[in-house]
Amino acid sequence: MTRFDILSENITLASNNRNNIDGEELLDNQDVLQMLKISIRSLQRYRSSGKLPYYTISGKLYYKLSDVHQFIRESFKSASSKVKDT
């Protein structure tokens, strides 16, 4: 039974210990896709256009959580300004 407790603690620690760089949380593609509720193609378009900064680490793409939040704020501002114009 103690082995299950140890495994449970290890799983909890691993899930709490997300990827970080300079103290900032990094998100992978799946995290961003779920957060923004967009397709992989839309995410690729945002990367290509430079709207969403990304980092490649060992061949895998990561996004800073603050960059994703900034992208959401900018998208919200541009969407609300379009509504005001009409």
Protein backbone atom coordinates (compact mmCIF):
# COMPACT_ATOMS: atom_id res chain seq x y z
CA MET A 1 0.00 0.00 0.00
CA THR A 2 2.88 2.36 0.69
CA ARG A 3 4.05 1.92 -2.90
CA PHE A 4 0.75 3.34 -4.13
CA ASP A 5 1.15 6.31 -1.81
CA ILE A 6 4.66 6.93 -3.14
CA LEU A 7 3.48 6.63 -6.74
CA SER A 8 0.61 9.00 -6.03
CA GLU A 9 3.00 11.57 -4.58
CA ASN A 10 5.34 11.24 -7.57
CA ILE A 11 2.47 11.74 -10.01
CA THR A 12 1.28 14.80 -8.11
CA LEU A 13 4.78 16.29 -8.10
CA ALA A 14 5.25 15.59 -11.81
CA SER A 15 1.95 17.22 -12.73
CA ASN A 16 2.74 20.28 -10.61
CA ASN A 17 6.26 20.52 -12.08
CA ARG A 18 5.42 21.84 -15.55
CA ASN A 19 8.04 23.04 -18.00
CA ASN A 20 9.42 26.40 -16.97
CA ILE A 21 11.93 28.80 -18.43
CA ASP A 22 13.17 31.76 -16.37
CA GLY A 23 10.37 31.03 -13.91
CA GLU A 24 7.69 31.26 -16.58
CA GLU A 25 5.42 28.37 -17.50
CA LEU A 26 5.81 26.87 -20.95
CA LEU A 27 2.86 25.39 -22.84
CA ASP A 28 3.09 22.86 -25.65
CA ASN A 29 0.92 22.73 -28.78
CA GLN A 30 -1.83 20.68 -27.11
CA ASP A 31 -2.07 23.09 -24.18
CA VAL A 32 -2.42 26.11 -26.48
CA LEU A 33 -4.89 24.37 -28.79
CA GLN A 34 -7.12 23.52 -25.85
CA MET A 35 -6.75 26.94 -24.26
CA LEU A 36 -7.61 28.87 -27.44
CA LYS A 37 -10.01 26.24 -28.83
CA ILE A 38 -8.47 26.49 -32.30
CA SER A 39 -7.22 24.04 -34.92
CA ILE A 40 -3.60 23.06 -35.45
CA ARG A 41 -3.65 24.94 -38.75
CA SER A 42 -4.80 28.16 -37.07
CA LEU A 43 -2.02 27.81 -34.53
CA GLN A 44 0.48 27.32 -37.34
CA ARG A 45 -0.84 30.44 -39.07
CA TYR A 46 -0.43 32.50 -35.88
CA ARG A 47 3.15 31.26 -35.55
CA SER A 48 3.99 31.96 -39.21
CA SER A 49 2.54 35.47 -39.10
CA GLY A 50 4.48 36.27 -35.93
CA LYS A 51 1.34 36.92 -33.91
CA LEU A 52 2.21 34.21 -31.40
CA PRO A 53 5.87 33.85 -30.39
CA TYR A 54 7.16 30.32 -29.88
CA TYR A 55 10.30 28.49 -28.88
CA THR A 56 11.74 25.25 -30.22
CA ILE A 57 13.37 23.05 -27.60
CA SER A 58 14.66 19.63 -28.69
CA GLY A 59 12.46 19.74 -31.77
CA LYS A 60 9.27 20.48 -29.82
CA LEU A 61 7.36 23.77 -29.90
CA TYR A 62 6.62 25.68 -26.71
CA TYR A 63 4.84 28.93 -25.93
CA LYS A 64 5.24 31.15 -22.89
CA LEU A 65 2.02 31.47 -20.93
CA SER A 66 2.43 35.26 -20.83
CA ASP A 67 2.78 35.36 -24.64
CA VAL A 68 -0.44 33.39 -25.03
CA HIS A 69 -2.24 35.75 -22.64
CA GLN A 70 -0.89 38.75 -24.57
CA PHE A 71 -2.10 37.18 -27.83
CA ILE A 72 -5.57 36.75 -26.33
CA ARG A 73 -5.65 40.39 -25.17
CA GLU A 74 -4.55 41.68 -28.58
CA SER A 75 -7.09 39.47 -30.36
CA PHE A 76 -9.83 40.70 -28.05
CA LYS A 77 -8.87 44.34 -28.67
CA SER A 78 -8.88 43.93 -32.45
CA ALA A 79 -12.21 42.08 -32.36
CA SER A 80 -13.85 44.73 -30.19
CA SER A 81 -12.55 47.55 -32.41
CA LYS A 82 -14.07 45.83 -35.46
CA VAL A 83 -17.44 45.68 -33.70
CA LYS A 84 -17.25 49.40 -32.84
CA ASP A 85 -16.49 50.29 -36.46
CA THR A 86 -19.67 48.67 -37.75
